Every structure is written in C-alpha cells, then in structure tokens.
Protein backbone atom coordinates (compact mmCIF):
# COMPACT_ATOMS: atom_id res chain seq x y z
CA MET A 1 58.30 73.12 63.51
CA ASN A 2 61.89 74.40 63.82
CA LEU A 3 64.75 72.10 62.88
CA VAL A 4 68.54 72.41 62.41
CA ARG A 5 70.05 69.71 60.20
CA LEU A 6 72.84 68.98 57.74
CA LEU A 7 72.22 70.41 54.30
CA GLU A 8 71.13 68.12 51.50
CA PRO A 9 72.17 68.60 47.84
CA ASP A 10 69.09 70.65 46.92
CA ASP A 11 69.68 73.07 49.84
CA PHE A 12 72.94 74.64 48.69
CA LYS A 13 71.48 77.16 46.25
CA THR A 14 69.41 78.59 49.09
CA TYR A 15 72.53 78.59 51.29
CA VAL A 16 74.35 80.70 48.69
CA ARG A 17 71.45 83.16 48.50
CA LEU A 18 71.24 83.54 52.27
CA SER A 19 75.02 84.06 52.49
CA LEU A 20 75.10 86.73 49.81
CA GLU A 21 72.18 88.62 51.36
CA ALA A 22 73.71 88.44 54.84
CA TYR A 23 77.22 89.44 53.66
CA PRO A 24 76.71 91.84 50.71
CA ALA A 25 80.46 92.45 50.29
CA MET A 26 80.74 88.89 48.94
CA ILE A 27 78.63 89.84 45.92
CA THR A 28 81.36 91.94 44.27
CA GLY A 29 82.47 90.20 41.10
CA LEU A 30 80.37 87.10 41.83
CA THR A 31 78.74 85.97 38.59
CA PRO A 32 75.90 83.41 38.40
CA GLU A 33 78.47 80.88 37.16
CA LYS A 34 80.68 81.52 40.20
CA GLU A 35 77.67 81.20 42.52
CA GLU A 36 76.87 77.83 40.97
CA GLY A 37 80.51 76.73 41.33
CA TRP A 38 80.51 77.81 44.98
CA ALA A 39 77.38 75.79 45.70
CA LYS A 40 78.87 72.76 43.92
CA ARG A 41 82.14 72.94 45.90
CA MET A 42 80.26 73.15 49.20
CA GLN A 43 78.09 70.20 48.22
CA GLU A 44 81.18 68.14 47.36
CA ARG A 45 82.80 69.08 50.66
CA GLN A 46 79.67 68.09 52.55
CA ALA A 47 79.67 64.71 50.82
CA GLU A 48 83.25 64.07 51.97
CA LYS A 49 82.03 64.16 55.61
CA GLY A 50 85.28 65.81 56.63
CA ASP A 51 86.16 68.65 59.00
CA ILE A 52 83.81 71.17 57.38
CA GLN A 53 80.05 70.69 57.40
CA TYR A 54 77.04 72.85 56.48
CA TYR A 55 73.82 73.15 58.47
CA GLY A 56 70.51 74.83 57.78
CA TYR A 57 67.74 76.15 60.01
CA PHE A 58 64.34 75.04 58.74
CA ARG A 59 60.85 76.10 59.71
CA ASP A 60 58.09 74.06 58.14
CA ASP A 61 60.59 72.83 55.53
CA GLU A 62 61.60 76.39 54.57
CA MET A 63 65.29 77.19 55.03
CA LEU A 64 65.61 80.45 56.98
CA GLY A 65 69.22 80.30 58.18
CA ALA A 66 72.50 78.45 57.77
CA MET A 67 75.99 78.04 59.18
CA ARG A 68 79.27 76.28 58.48
CA THR A 69 81.08 74.26 61.18
CA HIS A 70 84.78 73.39 61.41
CA THR A 71 86.43 70.69 63.47
CA PHE A 72 89.96 71.58 64.55
CA LYS A 73 92.95 70.12 66.33
CA MET A 74 94.28 73.05 68.33
CA ASN A 75 97.35 73.58 70.49
CA ILE A 76 96.20 74.88 73.86
CA HIS A 77 99.10 75.29 76.28
CA GLY A 78 100.99 72.49 74.53
CA VAL A 79 98.04 70.09 74.55
CA ASP A 80 96.47 69.05 71.23
CA MET A 81 92.79 69.61 71.92
CA LEU A 82 89.64 69.00 69.88
CA ALA A 83 87.94 72.33 69.14
CA GLY A 84 84.98 73.54 67.12
CA GLY A 85 84.62 76.60 64.94
CA VAL A 86 81.57 78.17 63.33
CA GLY A 87 81.35 80.61 60.44
CA ASN A 88 79.14 82.10 57.74
CA ILE A 89 76.14 82.31 60.08
CA CYS A 90 73.37 83.81 57.99
CA VAL A 91 69.65 84.46 58.46
CA ASP A 92 66.98 85.27 55.88
CA LEU A 93 66.61 89.05 55.86
CA THR A 94 62.83 88.78 56.21
CA HIS A 95 63.16 86.70 59.39
CA LYS A 96 65.62 88.76 61.43
CA LYS A 97 65.08 89.07 65.20
CA GLU A 98 63.32 85.70 65.43
CA HIS A 99 66.14 84.08 67.45
CA ILE A 100 67.25 81.97 64.48
CA ALA A 101 70.96 82.72 64.98
CA LYS A 102 70.59 81.98 68.71
CA GLU A 103 68.99 78.59 68.02
CA MET A 104 71.69 77.70 65.50
CA MET A 105 74.40 78.59 68.03
CA GLU A 106 72.68 76.42 70.64
CA TYR A 107 72.72 73.55 68.15
CA TYR A 108 76.40 74.19 67.35
CA HIS A 109 77.34 74.10 71.04
CA LYS A 110 75.35 70.91 71.62
CA LEU A 111 76.98 69.31 68.56
CA TYR A 112 80.52 69.90 69.80
CA TRP A 113 79.65 69.10 73.40
CA GLU A 114 78.51 65.66 72.23
CA MET A 115 81.68 65.31 70.14
CA GLY A 116 83.72 65.84 73.31
CA ALA A 117 85.23 69.20 72.38
CA PRO A 118 85.98 71.27 75.50
CA PHE A 119 86.60 74.41 73.48
CA VAL A 120 85.07 76.43 70.61
CA LEU A 121 85.97 79.64 68.79
CA LEU A 122 84.67 82.03 66.15
CA TRP A 123 85.28 85.27 64.27
CA PRO A 124 82.51 87.67 65.35
CA PHE A 125 80.64 90.18 63.23
CA ARG A 126 79.80 91.88 66.54
CA HIS A 127 81.75 91.13 69.71
CA ASP A 128 78.94 92.22 72.02
CA PHE A 129 76.51 89.78 70.37
CA TYR A 130 78.76 86.76 70.97
CA ARG A 131 79.96 87.91 74.35
CA LYS A 132 76.38 87.43 75.51
CA MET A 133 76.76 83.82 74.36
CA GLY A 134 79.82 83.32 76.54
CA TYR A 135 82.65 84.11 74.11
CA GLY A 136 85.68 85.90 75.51
CA TYR A 137 87.99 88.23 73.67
CA GLY A 138 91.07 86.87 71.96
CA ARG A 139 94.41 88.56 71.66
CA LYS A 140 94.69 91.85 69.75
CA TYR A 141 95.96 91.61 66.18
CA ASN A 142 98.49 94.09 64.78
CA LYS A 143 98.95 95.72 61.41
CA TYR A 144 102.36 97.30 60.73
CA SER A 145 103.36 99.28 57.65
CA TYR A 146 107.07 99.81 56.98
CA LYS A 147 109.19 101.06 54.11
CA PRO A 148 111.33 98.25 52.68
CA CYS A 149 114.44 100.41 53.11
CA ASP A 150 113.82 100.49 56.88
CA LEU A 151 113.93 96.70 57.19
CA PRO A 152 117.27 95.07 58.04
CA ARG A 153 119.67 94.03 55.32
CA GLY A 154 121.26 90.62 55.42
CA SER A 155 121.88 87.35 53.69
CA ARG A 156 119.16 85.86 51.51
CA LEU A 157 120.88 82.50 51.21
CA GLY A 158 118.23 79.75 51.09
CA VAL A 159 115.38 82.13 50.18
CA GLY A 160 113.26 81.38 47.14
CA PHE A 161 109.76 81.05 45.76
CA MET A 162 107.77 78.00 46.81
CA GLY A 163 105.73 75.93 44.34
CA GLU A 164 103.71 72.75 44.07
CA ASP A 165 106.73 70.59 44.89
CA ASP A 166 107.06 72.40 48.23
CA VAL A 167 103.55 71.74 49.56
CA ASP A 168 104.61 68.98 51.94
CA ALA A 169 107.61 70.95 53.21
CA LEU A 170 105.41 74.00 53.85
CA LEU A 171 102.87 71.85 55.68
CA GLU A 172 105.58 70.30 57.86
CA CYS A 173 107.06 73.72 58.67
CA TYR A 174 103.66 75.15 59.56
CA ASN A 175 102.62 72.25 61.78
CA ARG A 176 105.98 72.27 63.58
CA TYR A 177 105.29 75.93 64.33
CA VAL A 178 101.77 75.02 65.51
CA SER A 179 103.11 72.34 67.86
CA ALA A 180 105.31 74.98 69.53
CA SER A 181 102.74 77.80 69.60
CA HIS A 182 99.83 78.08 72.04
CA GLY A 183 96.56 78.90 70.26
CA MET A 184 97.53 77.70 66.79
CA ILE A 185 95.49 75.23 64.73
CA TYR A 186 96.96 72.39 62.69
CA LYS A 187 96.56 72.50 58.91
CA LYS A 188 96.06 69.72 56.40
CA ARG A 189 97.72 69.29 53.03
CA GLY A 190 94.75 70.63 51.08
CA PHE A 191 95.25 74.06 52.65
CA PHE A 192 98.73 74.43 51.19
CA GLU A 193 97.62 73.09 47.83
CA ARG A 194 95.30 76.12 47.71
CA PHE A 195 97.74 78.42 49.49
CA ILE A 196 100.41 78.36 46.77
CA ASN A 197 97.77 79.34 44.20
CA THR A 198 96.28 82.11 46.34
CA TYR A 199 99.46 83.89 47.46
CA LYS A 200 102.96 84.51 46.29
CA VAL A 201 104.92 82.29 48.67
CA VAL A 202 108.56 82.89 49.51
CA GLY A 203 110.29 80.53 51.91
CA TYR A 204 113.60 79.97 53.62
CA ARG A 205 115.06 76.52 53.15
CA ASN A 206 117.81 75.09 55.36
CA GLY A 207 118.98 72.07 53.40
CA ASP A 208 115.88 70.02 52.59
CA ARG A 209 113.82 71.61 55.35
CA VAL A 210 111.66 74.74 55.00
CA GLU A 211 112.03 76.69 58.26
CA GLY A 212 110.02 79.80 57.44
CA PHE A 213 107.83 81.37 54.79
CA ILE A 214 105.63 84.34 53.96
CA GLY A 215 102.41 84.37 51.94
CA PHE A 216 101.78 87.76 50.34
CA ASN A 217 100.20 89.63 47.46
CA PHE A 218 100.93 92.92 45.75
CA LYS A 219 98.31 95.64 46.12
CA LYS A 220 98.24 98.73 43.94
CA LEU A 221 98.06 102.04 45.76
CA TYR A 222 96.18 103.69 42.89
CA PRO A 223 94.29 101.84 40.13
CA GLU A 224 95.63 104.16 37.43
CA HIS A 225 99.26 104.07 38.62
CA PRO A 226 101.05 100.82 37.61
CA LEU A 227 104.30 101.54 39.49
CA MET A 228 103.08 102.17 43.05
CA GLN A 229 102.24 99.10 45.13
CA ASN A 230 102.52 97.57 48.56
CA ILE A 231 103.36 94.06 49.66
CA GLU A 232 100.64 92.76 52.00
CA ILE A 233 101.73 89.78 54.09
CA GLU A 234 98.90 87.66 55.48
CA TYR A 235 100.94 84.65 56.62
CA MET A 236 104.39 84.81 58.17
CA VAL A 237 105.81 81.73 59.86
CA TYR A 238 109.39 81.29 61.05
CA GLU A 239 110.90 78.67 63.31
CA ASN A 240 114.09 80.49 64.29
CA PRO A 241 115.83 83.91 64.07
CA ARG A 242 117.79 82.94 60.96
CA ALA A 243 114.61 82.18 59.02
CA LEU A 244 113.13 85.54 60.03
CA SER A 245 116.27 87.49 59.13
CA ARG A 246 116.48 85.86 55.68
CA LEU A 247 112.82 86.65 54.95
CA LEU A 248 113.19 90.25 56.14
CA ALA A 249 116.29 90.63 53.94
CA PHE A 250 114.22 89.49 50.96
CA LEU A 251 111.57 92.12 51.75
CA GLN A 252 114.23 94.82 52.18
CA THR A 253 115.48 94.28 48.63
CA GLN A 254 112.05 95.12 47.18
CA LEU A 255 112.53 98.83 47.90
CA ASP A 256 112.74 99.85 44.23
CA GLN A 257 109.25 98.52 43.42
CA VAL A 258 107.38 98.56 46.72
CA ASN A 259 106.17 101.55 48.72
CA ARG A 260 105.35 99.75 52.00
CA VAL A 261 105.44 96.25 53.42
CA ILE A 262 102.27 95.51 55.40
CA PHE A 263 102.60 92.92 58.17
CA GLN A 264 99.53 91.40 59.85
CA THR A 265 100.61 89.58 62.97
CA PHE A 266 100.03 88.92 66.67
CA ASP A 267 103.59 90.12 67.35
CA ASP A 268 103.37 93.15 69.65
CA ASP A 269 107.07 93.94 69.27
CA LEU A 270 107.63 93.84 65.52
CA HIS A 271 108.46 97.57 65.45
CA TYR A 272 111.92 96.57 66.70
CA VAL A 273 112.82 95.09 63.30
CA SER A 274 112.33 98.42 61.49
CA HIS A 275 114.82 101.29 61.63
CA ASP A 276 111.79 103.61 61.78
CA PRO A 277 108.96 102.25 63.97
CA ARG A 278 106.35 104.67 62.58
CA ASN A 279 103.79 103.58 60.05
CA GLU A 280 102.55 105.79 57.21
CA SER A 281 99.89 107.50 59.35
CA VAL A 282 100.36 111.07 60.57
CA HIS A 283 98.21 110.27 63.60
CA ILE A 284 99.77 111.57 66.82
CA PHE A 285 98.49 111.57 70.39
CA PHE A 286 100.29 113.14 73.37
CA ILE A 287 103.59 113.23 71.41
CA ASN A 288 103.23 109.53 70.51
CA GLN A 289 103.39 108.74 66.81
CA GLU A 290 101.44 105.79 65.46
CA SER A 291 103.52 102.63 64.99
CA ASN A 292 100.74 100.16 64.19
CA VAL A 293 97.00 99.67 64.47
CA GLN A 294 95.31 96.96 66.49
CA GLY A 295 92.03 95.15 66.30
CA VAL A 296 90.11 92.66 68.42
CA GLY A 297 89.08 89.69 66.31
CA ILE A 298 88.81 86.04 67.24
CA MET A 299 86.84 85.00 70.32
CA TYR A 300 87.28 81.91 72.52
CA ARG A 301 84.86 79.88 74.61
CA ILE A 302 85.30 77.08 77.11
CA LEU A 303 82.39 74.80 76.24
CA ASP A 304 83.01 72.19 78.94
CA LYS A 305 85.15 73.44 81.82
CA GLU A 306 85.54 70.01 83.41
CA ARG A 307 86.91 68.44 80.23
CA PHE A 308 89.05 71.52 79.64
CA PHE A 309 90.85 71.28 82.98
CA LYS A 310 91.19 67.50 82.73
CA GLN A 311 92.88 67.73 79.35
CA LEU A 312 95.33 70.28 80.72
CA ALA A 313 96.37 67.92 83.54
CA ASP A 314 100.02 67.85 82.37
CA HIS A 315 100.30 71.61 81.85
CA SER A 316 101.85 73.60 84.68
CA PHE A 317 100.33 76.97 85.45
CA ASN A 318 103.63 78.55 86.48
CA GLY A 319 104.36 76.08 89.28
CA GLU A 320 101.92 77.67 91.75
CA SER A 321 100.06 75.57 94.34
CA VAL A 322 96.61 76.75 95.37
CA ARG A 323 93.08 75.30 95.57
CA VAL A 324 90.56 77.39 93.62
CA LYS A 325 86.80 77.10 93.48
CA PHE A 326 85.53 78.71 90.28
CA ASP A 327 81.91 79.82 90.52
CA VAL A 328 81.19 80.12 86.81
CA SER A 329 78.13 81.80 85.32
CA ASP A 330 77.26 80.32 81.92
CA THR A 331 73.72 81.24 80.95
CA PHE A 332 73.99 80.01 77.35
CA VAL A 333 75.25 76.46 77.96
CA PRO A 334 73.41 75.28 81.12
CA GLU A 335 75.53 72.10 81.37
CA ASN A 336 78.60 74.30 81.80
CA ASN A 337 77.06 76.56 84.44
CA GLY A 338 78.01 76.35 88.10
CA PRO A 339 81.03 75.72 90.31
CA ILE A 340 84.13 73.63 89.73
CA THR A 341 87.01 73.20 92.17
CA VAL A 342 90.53 72.83 90.82
CA HIS A 343 93.61 72.05 92.89
CA PHE A 344 96.73 73.44 91.27
CA ILE A 345 99.61 71.31 92.55
CA ASP A 346 102.96 72.69 91.42
CA GLY A 347 100.90 74.38 88.73
CA LYS A 348 99.18 71.25 87.43
CA PRO A 349 95.36 71.20 87.66
CA VAL A 350 93.46 68.36 89.31
CA LEU A 351 89.72 68.41 90.06
CA GLY A 352 89.06 68.12 93.76
CA GLU A 353 87.10 69.28 96.79
CA GLY A 354 87.88 71.92 99.34
CA TYR A 355 89.38 75.25 98.41
CA ASP A 356 91.53 78.15 99.58
CA VAL A 357 89.80 80.86 97.57
CA GLU A 358 86.56 81.17 95.61
CA VAL A 359 86.60 83.07 92.30
CA SER A 360 83.28 84.18 90.78
CA LEU A 361 83.22 85.14 87.09
CA ASN A 362 81.39 84.74 83.79
CA ILE A 363 82.41 82.04 81.31
CA GLU A 364 83.63 84.62 78.77
CA HIS A 365 86.15 85.98 81.25
CA LEU A 366 87.24 82.51 82.36
CA SER A 367 87.81 81.65 78.69
CA SER A 368 90.05 84.68 78.05
CA LEU A 369 91.85 84.11 81.35
CA MET A 370 92.58 80.44 80.71
CA MET A 371 93.84 81.20 77.21
CA GLY A 372 96.26 83.73 78.65
CA VAL A 373 94.75 86.66 76.77
CA VAL A 374 94.36 88.76 79.92
CA ASP A 375 95.95 88.60 83.36
CA PHE A 376 93.90 87.79 86.45
CA LYS A 377 94.78 91.04 88.20
CA LYS A 378 93.45 93.04 85.27
CA LEU A 379 90.09 91.24 85.43
CA TRP A 380 90.00 91.83 89.19
CA THR A 381 90.89 95.51 88.78
CA TYR A 382 88.16 95.96 86.17
CA GLY A 383 85.61 94.37 88.51
CA LEU A 384 85.07 91.36 86.24
CA VAL A 385 85.96 88.75 88.87
CA LYS A 386 85.09 88.55 92.56
CA LEU A 387 87.19 86.85 95.23
CA SER A 388 86.27 85.43 98.59
CA ASN A 389 89.68 86.52 99.88
CA GLU A 390 91.68 89.26 98.17
CA PHE A 391 94.86 88.00 99.82
CA TYR A 392 95.14 85.61 96.85
CA VAL A 393 95.09 88.26 94.09
CA GLU A 394 98.85 88.25 93.53
CA GLN A 395 99.15 84.45 93.58
CA LEU A 396 96.26 84.04 91.17
CA ASP A 397 97.87 86.63 88.91
CA ARG A 398 101.10 84.59 88.89
CA LEU A 399 99.16 81.35 88.42
CA PHE A 400 97.38 82.43 85.24
CA HIS A 401 100.00 84.69 83.68
CA CYS A 402 100.82 83.47 80.18
CA ARG A 403 104.31 84.31 78.95
CA TYR A 404 103.43 83.42 75.37
CA LYS A 405 99.96 84.70 74.56
CA PRO A 406 97.84 82.76 72.05
CA GLU A 407 98.21 83.05 68.31
CA THR A 408 95.29 81.80 66.25
CA VAL A 409 95.95 82.27 62.56
CA GLU A 410 92.95 80.57 60.99
CA GLU A 411 90.42 81.66 58.39
CA PHE A 412 86.94 80.19 58.76
C-alpha cells in the first residue's frame, strides 16, 4: 500500500539519508553530528505546525521518498495571495522510475488545492520534468560581475552594518518592498534572525527607517591567495534611488580589497550602473561582449484558474476590454482542466459566459503568461497558443503585457 503522510519523529533520520543520497553536493563537510542536528531541527519545525512541513512516501511502512512543503503569502499583481512551494523532493535511489516523485507531487497539489491556494511554485532540478506537470518558466535571473572602481561614487551617509538590533527594521524594509513588487514573497522575523548571521549585511538608514540593504559574503579567488577576493551579493533590496546610490557607493569604496562585485538579480538593466558594462569573461559573439549571464530558475503554476482570476478581480490588465474563453489543457490536475471564460472589463477580470475570442493553451503557458513572464504575442508566434480569431492578437498582447515582470527572491 502506498501512502503520503506527515513525517513522525522517528522518520527524520531516514529523511536525512534520502536527501543526502538524492543531492550528493549536500554531503560536503556534513559530519554525523551535523546530520543529527539537521534531523533535530526539522523535527522541531514539524512540531511547530508552521509554514514548513515534511512529508514522506511510504510503501508497506517503508519510507521511499520525501518532500518539504512551504506555505507562502505572495504578491501577485498587487494582490496578497496564498501560494504553496515544494522543495527537497527525494526518492530512494533503489526505487527510481517507480513514479514516486509523481505521486508526491499529486499529493502536494491536492494538499494546496484543499487549502484554497490558487498558485504554486518550485525550483526545478530539471525544467522539462516539471513542465510536464504544468509548471511554466519564471523570469530569467542575471549574474553581473563588475570591478568596484567601475561603480558610481557618491555619498555613503546613512550606510552601515546591520546587527541583531536591526532585525525588525530589515524585516519592515523587505516586506514594504514585497508589497510593491509583483512576484515577491513576504518574510517573517525568523528569516532575518538567521540572515544577519549568514551574511554580512550593510544597510542604508534614513532616520530610523532602513530603506535598503545588501546581504553578501566574501569569496576567495584562490585558496592559497589571501588578498584576492570577490564580494558576492545574494540579496539586494532598495526602496528608492537614494538607497541604491548609497549602497553602490559603499561597494565602490571596496576597490582596494575586492577584485569584482558579483550581483545576482532579476534586474535586466543593471549594466547601466557600471562605467564598463562588461563582465570578466572574454566571451564574444558577433562583436557583442558578454555583460552578464542568465539562467532560468523558478517555475510557476496556476493550480486553480477559477480562484486565481477571482482573486485578481481588482487588478486591471492594462485597461483593455475583451471577453476571452481560455481552453486550458491541464493533464496533471484534472480539476483544473478545461475551459474558463473571463470578461475583462476595463482590464478587470470577471468570470462570465459568451466570448469574443477563444484561446487554447497548456496550463504551463497560461501560468507564465498570467505572471507576466512572457508576452502573449511571443507565445502566439512560437505556436504555443491557438486563437479562434487572429484579429485579437494585438489586443491580447496589450491585455497581458506586464510592465514590471515578477521577482521571486525566495530560497526553499
């Protein structure tokens, strides 16, 4: 008999073993004492019955797989929406290709459907694997590498290191940014309690209010060379141009000790802040020199399209008025499969009957489209959507165009 259920205290050692076998890179530097501590922390978190929970896949009482679920409050087009996340999906190496991961994902979708979440997301180990389960691509992520001397000089007034006394101010700054940024996920205080011990955190304070910060670490270029290092920024949040300029000025002054500043960000235009837009690579193609590298990471999925549109009732899709019948193919979540008709009235969606144009597409493409990751005309050009009347291509492109594409800075 196959069963997916919450882990019990005695299950966590097996969970750790399955995780380490599935993700061998995690083994580096992990002593038996650290493994035991990891299992204990997960068990304590499970007992709290909070936003993170652990599930196992059991066959005849033997645990053959596991996963970790996350419950989020996420800003989607200015609406705070319940969303689910899943991570650390692992399967016993001797039971691969037995559909264990598939059955766990089905359980995960059912769990969040019953919780009322219209939306779920994940970080894929293989995009093609999860695309088959209805997950659409998220926005490309950028990695820039600039010399400190090429960053702009300026005032550093209000810039300083953040410590334990700044946890609440950092949390407030971050969540204000989330409330103004489509695709972001709200944090809780515990994150920043860990954050200040994981990263070096430098912030910009305007009076009593933190309005921007960076979380970074130093990384040696060569193990045997103590004087050559980079700054690697994993979190950069700023609420206004002044906060950004003060933080960049701080980074510019590190030129005597730092070779490169590495930015990881959704910002497609960050090369404008550097006097030299090129990174350290000598890669060149058709007289274009490399400025940054990009990767496709997070994936999005509309789990319940009816709930999704209903919760976006106050969001205007660019003021357009048109009645659209979406014929949606969702083979992985049968309850979400089939047509839905949405009347966009001055951009605001209302479920209705009767339509001007029928749009046929898979759920993964609807998910990316509704998040504003890709424009409608691109999907149509690539043959990923079909229309009953191509007269509406331009209007549908205007309807779904997203001026501010999603940012989802979340580790899970």
